[in-house]
Amino acid sequence: MKTTTINISKANLRSKTFPHQSNKDKAKPQGEKMVPDIIKKWHNIVKSKNVDLLDDILAEDARMISPIVHTVQEGKEITKMYLTSAAFVLGNEHFRYIREVYDEGFALLEFETELDGIKVNGVDLISWNDSNQITEFKVMVRPLKGVNAVHQAMKKALESIH
């Protein structure tokens, strides 16, 4: 697995574009930031809740790393199942991405939402391959009340699938 170190200056954070991005990973500008195509597709799925589009953006060997489950979930189908549940559980009327950082083949998307009156703050760490398919999706959530709320809501959603 590739480890990426990013040296970010305050000027780069303000502009939301990074000098180390290669031209192939840059997308057309949206406001001030350059959004990679795979992230545009992810945002479309989140907004539309058209989870059938996950088939196009997930690699066969995709891995899901959940803030709740202690083992890595391996494979496209189980990753799709978790992301589908999360799209409906977390992607409510309160959900919004508040900060995004991109690197070659990697994005960090910070989000906020609310579940049952509990404010939830989290981060999606997304890695993708040269075919523009997601290979790893890691979610981190805070505070503890938020983790517990996500746990209960995801448990209920996943049980309804089975």
C-alpha atoms as a PDB file:
ATOM      1  CA  MET A   1       0.000   0.000   0.000  1.00  0.00           C
ATOM      2  CA  LYS A   2       1.286   3.445  -0.958  1.00  0.00           C
ATOM      3  CA  THR A   3       1.751   5.997   1.810  1.00  0.00           C
ATOM      4  CA  THR A   4       1.464   9.627   0.816  1.00  0.00           C
ATOM      5  CA  THR A   5       2.921  12.550   2.708  1.00  0.00           C
ATOM      6  CA  ILE A   6       1.511  15.951   1.921  1.00  0.00           C
ATOM      7  CA  ASN A   7       3.274  19.174   2.806  1.00  0.00           C
ATOM      8  CA  ILE A   8       0.527  21.774   2.943  1.00  0.00           C
ATOM      9  CA  SER A   9       1.175  25.450   3.460  1.00  0.00           C
ATOM     10  CA  LYS A  10      -1.458  27.941   4.643  1.00  0.00           C
ATOM     11  CA  ALA A  11      -1.507  29.458   1.146  1.00  0.00           C
ATOM     12  CA  ASN A  12      -2.287  26.061  -0.392  1.00  0.00           C
ATOM     13  CA  LEU A  13      -5.094  25.459   2.103  1.00  0.00           C
ATOM     14  CA  ARG A  14      -6.681  28.756   1.164  1.00  0.00           C
ATOM     15  CA  SER A  15      -6.529  28.042  -2.562  1.00  0.00           C
ATOM     16  CA  LYS A  16      -7.480  24.342  -2.232  1.00  0.00           C
ATOM     17  CA  THR A  17      -5.193  23.482  -5.138  1.00  0.00           C
ATOM     18  CA  PHE A  18      -1.846  21.835  -4.644  1.00  0.00           C
ATOM     19  CA  PRO A  19       1.330  22.243  -6.669  1.00  0.00           C
ATOM     20  CA  HIS A  20       2.185  18.510  -6.450  1.00  0.00           C
ATOM     21  CA  GLN A  21      -0.940  17.410  -8.370  1.00  0.00           C
ATOM     22  CA  SER A  22      -0.152  15.928 -11.774  1.00  0.00           C
ATOM     23  CA  ASN A  23      -2.051  17.220 -14.788  1.00  0.00           C
ATOM     24  CA  LYS A  24      -3.817  13.866 -15.317  1.00  0.00           C
ATOM     25  CA  ASP A  25      -5.428  14.111 -11.865  1.00  0.00           C
ATOM     26  CA  LYS A  26      -6.642  17.657 -12.234  1.00  0.00           C
ATOM     27  CA  ALA A  27     -10.234  18.196 -13.186  1.00  0.00           C
ATOM     28  CA  LYS A  28     -11.856  21.323 -14.502  1.00  0.00           C
ATOM     29  CA  PRO A  29     -12.062  24.065 -11.882  1.00  0.00           C
ATOM     30  CA  GLN A  30     -15.177  24.343  -9.747  1.00  0.00           C
ATOM     31  CA  GLY A  31     -14.853  27.685  -8.077  1.00  0.00           C
ATOM     32  CA  GLU A  32     -11.388  27.688  -6.552  1.00  0.00           C
ATOM     33  CA  LYS A  33     -10.821  23.950  -6.244  1.00  0.00           C
ATOM     34  CA  MET A  34      -9.840  21.287  -8.734  1.00  0.00           C
ATOM     35  CA  VAL A  35     -12.058  18.281  -8.111  1.00  0.00           C
ATOM     36  CA  PRO A  36     -10.837  14.896  -9.419  1.00  0.00           C
ATOM     37  CA  ASP A  37     -13.353  13.158 -11.707  1.00  0.00           C
ATOM     38  CA  ILE A  38     -13.822  10.224  -9.330  1.00  0.00           C
ATOM     39  CA  ILE A  39     -14.751  12.619  -6.510  1.00  0.00           C
ATOM     40  CA  LYS A  40     -17.224  14.409  -8.791  1.00  0.00           C
ATOM     41  CA  LYS A  41     -18.839  11.021  -9.431  1.00  0.00           C
ATOM     42  CA  TRP A  42     -18.894  10.284  -5.688  1.00  0.00           C
ATOM     43  CA  HIS A  43     -20.531  13.658  -4.967  1.00  0.00           C
ATOM     44  CA  ASN A  44     -23.169  12.887  -7.606  1.00  0.00           C
ATOM     45  CA  ILE A  45     -23.955   9.561  -5.913  1.00  0.00           C
ATOM     46  CA  VAL A  46     -24.215  11.219  -2.493  1.00  0.00           C
ATOM     47  CA  LYS A  47     -26.464  13.982  -3.833  1.00  0.00           C
ATOM     48  CA  SER A  48     -28.703  11.800  -6.010  1.00  0.00           C
ATOM     49  CA  LYS A  49     -28.634   8.699  -3.768  1.00  0.00           C
ATOM     50  CA  ASN A  50     -28.355   6.698  -6.998  1.00  0.00           C
ATOM     51  CA  VAL A  51     -26.291   3.941  -5.400  1.00  0.00           C
ATOM     52  CA  ASP A  52     -26.436   1.836  -8.576  1.00  0.00           C
ATOM     53  CA  LEU A  53     -23.683   4.160  -9.851  1.00  0.00           C
ATOM     54  CA  LEU A  54     -21.351   2.664  -7.227  1.00  0.00           C
ATOM     55  CA  ASP A  55     -20.814  -0.275  -9.600  1.00  0.00           C
ATOM     56  CA  ASP A  56     -19.017   2.097 -11.988  1.00  0.00           C
ATOM     57  CA  ILE A  57     -16.677   3.663  -9.429  1.00  0.00           C
ATOM     58  CA  LEU A  58     -15.735   0.743  -7.166  1.00  0.00           C
ATOM     59  CA  ALA A  59     -12.805  -1.506  -8.069  1.00  0.00           C
ATOM     60  CA  GLU A  60     -13.375  -5.269  -7.748  1.00  0.00           C
ATOM     61  CA  ASP A  61     -10.812  -5.354  -4.910  1.00  0.00           C
ATOM     62  CA  ALA A  62     -12.249  -2.320  -3.088  1.00  0.00           C
ATOM     63  CA  ARG A  63     -11.784  -2.202   0.687  1.00  0.00           C
ATOM     64  CA  MET A  64     -14.114  -0.575   3.208  1.00  0.00           C
ATOM     65  CA  ILE A  65     -12.662   0.527   6.532  1.00  0.00           C
ATOM     66  CA  SER A  66     -15.481   1.388   8.894  1.00  0.00           C
ATOM     67  CA  PRO A  67     -15.303   3.384  12.131  1.00  0.00           C
ATOM     68  CA  ILE A  68     -17.449   0.683  13.734  1.00  0.00           C
ATOM     69  CA  VAL A  69     -16.275  -2.682  12.379  1.00  0.00           C
ATOM     70  CA  HIS A  70     -12.779  -3.630  13.550  1.00  0.00           C
ATOM     71  CA  THR A  71     -11.916  -5.673  10.444  1.00  0.00           C
ATOM     72  CA  VAL A  72     -11.384  -4.384   6.930  1.00  0.00           C
ATOM     73  CA  GLN A  73     -14.260  -5.314   4.637  1.00  0.00           C
ATOM     74  CA  GLU A  74     -12.794  -6.703   1.403  1.00  0.00           C
ATOM     75  CA  GLY A  75     -14.411  -6.670  -2.028  1.00  0.00           C
ATOM     76  CA  LYS A  76     -16.675  -4.598  -4.232  1.00  0.00           C
ATOM     77  CA  GLU A  77     -19.996  -6.057  -3.075  1.00  0.00           C
ATOM     78  CA  ILE A  78     -19.497  -5.573   0.661  1.00  0.00           C
ATOM     79  CA  THR A  79     -18.012  -2.108   0.094  1.00  0.00           C
ATOM     80  CA  LYS A  80     -21.068  -1.242  -1.983  1.00  0.00           C
ATOM     81  CA  MET A  81     -23.359  -2.542   0.789  1.00  0.00           C
ATOM     82  CA  TYR A  82     -21.693  -0.323   3.419  1.00  0.00           C
ATOM     83  CA  LEU A  83     -21.617   2.754   1.175  1.00  0.00           C
ATOM     84  CA  THR A  84     -25.248   2.238   0.184  1.00  0.00           C
ATOM     85  CA  SER A  85     -26.307   2.088   3.837  1.00  0.00           C
ATOM     86  CA  ALA A  86     -24.175   5.119   4.688  1.00  0.00           C
ATOM     87  CA  ALA A  87     -25.652   7.132   1.804  1.00  0.00           C
ATOM     88  CA  PHE A  88     -29.093   6.788   3.358  1.00  0.00           C
ATOM     89  CA  VAL A  89     -28.106   6.884   7.052  1.00  0.00           C
ATOM     90  CA  LEU A  90     -25.622   9.757   6.987  1.00  0.00           C
ATOM     91  CA  GLY A  91     -26.772  11.451   3.786  1.00  0.00           C
ATOM     92  CA  ASN A  92     -29.780  13.128   5.314  1.00  0.00           C
ATOM     93  CA  GLU A  93     -30.876  16.769   4.943  1.00  0.00           C
ATOM     94  CA  HIS A  94     -28.112  17.842   7.378  1.00  0.00           C
ATOM     95  CA  PHE A  95     -25.253  16.185   5.474  1.00  0.00           C
ATOM     96  CA  ARG A  96     -22.617  18.362   3.821  1.00  0.00           C
ATOM     97  CA  TYR A  97     -18.949  18.178   2.965  1.00  0.00           C
ATOM     98  CA  ILE A  98     -17.137  21.084   4.602  1.00  0.00           C
ATOM     99  CA  ARG A  99     -13.513  20.553   3.532  1.00  0.00           C
ATOM    100  CA  GLU A 100     -11.754  18.601   0.812  1.00  0.00           C
ATOM    101  CA  VAL A 101      -8.082  17.890   0.169  1.00  0.00           C
ATOM    102  CA  TYR A 102      -6.823  16.080  -2.935  1.00  0.00           C
ATOM    103  CA  ASP A 103      -3.601  14.363  -3.864  1.00  0.00           C
ATOM    104  CA  GLU A 104      -2.706  11.984  -6.673  1.00  0.00           C
ATOM    105  CA  GLY A 105      -5.037   9.009  -6.233  1.00  0.00           C
ATOM    106  CA  PHE A 106      -6.282  10.199  -2.835  1.00  0.00           C
ATOM    107  CA  ALA A 107      -8.863  12.539  -1.313  1.00  0.00           C
ATOM    108  CA  LEU A 108      -9.819  13.554   2.198  1.00  0.00           C
ATOM    109  CA  LEU A 109     -13.424  14.746   2.503  1.00  0.00           C
ATOM    110  CA  GLU A 110     -14.538  16.139   5.855  1.00  0.00           C
ATOM    111  CA  PHE A 111     -18.272  16.035   6.490  1.00  0.00           C
ATOM    112  CA  GLU A 112     -20.890  17.124   9.009  1.00  0.00           C
ATOM    113  CA  THR A 113     -24.352  15.724   9.571  1.00  0.00           C
ATOM    114  CA  GLU A 114     -26.850  15.163  12.348  1.00  0.00           C
ATOM    115  CA  LEU A 115     -28.477  11.935  13.533  1.00  0.00           C
ATOM    116  CA  ASP A 116     -31.318  12.045  16.059  1.00  0.00           C
ATOM    117  CA  GLY A 117     -30.224  15.489  17.270  1.00  0.00           C
ATOM    118  CA  ILE A 118     -26.561  14.454  17.632  1.00  0.00           C
ATOM    119  CA  LYS A 119     -24.013  16.372  15.589  1.00  0.00           C
ATOM    120  CA  VAL A 120     -21.628  14.066  13.741  1.00  0.00           C
ATOM    121  CA  ASN A 121     -18.296  15.126  12.261  1.00  0.00           C
ATOM    122  CA  GLY A 122     -16.313  12.749  10.096  1.00  0.00           C
ATOM    123  CA  VAL A 123     -13.783  12.194   7.364  1.00  0.00           C
ATOM    124  CA  ASP A 124     -13.924  10.049   4.247  1.00  0.00           C
ATOM    125  CA  LEU A 125     -10.445   8.980   3.115  1.00  0.00           C
ATOM    126  CA  ILE A 126     -10.763   7.773  -0.470  1.00  0.00           C
ATOM    127  CA  SER A 127      -8.063   6.134  -2.601  1.00  0.00           C
ATOM    128  CA  TRP A 128      -8.424   5.220  -6.266  1.00  0.00           C
ATOM    129  CA  ASN A 129      -6.456   3.467  -8.988  1.00  0.00           C
ATOM    130  CA  ASP A 130      -5.319   4.503 -12.469  1.00  0.00           C
ATOM    131  CA  SER A 131      -8.667   3.286 -13.855  1.00  0.00           C
ATOM    132  CA  ASN A 132     -10.413   5.941 -11.734  1.00  0.00           C
ATOM    133  CA  GLN A 133     -12.060   3.348  -9.484  1.00  0.00           C
ATOM    134  CA  ILE A 134     -12.141   3.494  -5.701  1.00  0.00           C
ATOM    135  CA  THR A 135      -9.803   0.960  -4.106  1.00  0.00           C
ATOM    136  CA  GLU A 136     -10.191   2.008  -0.476  1.00  0.00           C
ATOM    137  CA  PHE A 137     -12.828   3.944   1.436  1.00  0.00           C
ATOM    138  CA  LYS A 138     -12.011   4.684   5.072  1.00  0.00           C
ATOM    139  CA  VAL A 139     -14.429   6.542   7.330  1.00  0.00           C
ATOM    140  CA  MET A 140     -13.540   8.169  10.647  1.00  0.00           C
ATOM    141  CA  VAL A 141     -16.210   9.718  12.899  1.00  0.00           C
ATOM    142  CA  ARG A 142     -16.313  11.855  16.029  1.00  0.00           C
ATOM    143  CA  PRO A 143     -17.394  12.619  18.782  1.00  0.00           C
ATOM    144  CA  LEU A 144     -18.163   9.441  20.735  1.00  0.00           C
ATOM    145  CA  LYS A 145     -21.893  10.262  20.817  1.00  0.00           C
ATOM    146  CA  GLY A 146     -21.686  10.590  17.035  1.00  0.00           C
ATOM    147  CA  VAL A 147     -19.909   7.239  16.696  1.00  0.00           C
ATOM    148  CA  ASN A 148     -22.611   5.600  18.814  1.00  0.00           C
ATOM    149  CA  ALA A 149     -25.396   7.229  16.782  1.00  0.00           C
ATOM    150  CA  VAL A 150     -23.782   6.112  13.504  1.00  0.00           C
ATOM    151  CA  HIS A 151     -23.289   2.604  14.905  1.00  0.00           C
ATOM    152  CA  GLN A 152     -26.952   2.207  15.848  1.00  0.00           C
ATOM    153  CA  ALA A 153     -28.279   3.705  12.597  1.00  0.00           C
ATOM    154  CA  MET A 154     -25.900   1.678  10.383  1.00  0.00           C
ATOM    155  CA  LYS A 155     -26.687  -1.521  12.292  1.00  0.00           C
ATOM    156  CA  LYS A 156     -30.388  -0.988  11.661  1.00  0.00           C
ATOM    157  CA  ALA A 157     -29.816  -0.150   7.975  1.00  0.00           C
ATOM    158  CA  LEU A 158     -27.532  -3.138   7.360  1.00  0.00           C
ATOM    159  CA  GLU A 159     -29.938  -5.513   9.123  1.00  0.00           C
ATOM    160  CA  SER A 160     -32.754  -4.318   6.847  1.00  0.00           C
ATOM    161  CA  ILE A 161     -30.686  -5.306   3.795  1.00  0.00           C
ATOM    162  CA  HIS A 162     -30.313  -8.915   4.952  1.00  0.00           C
END
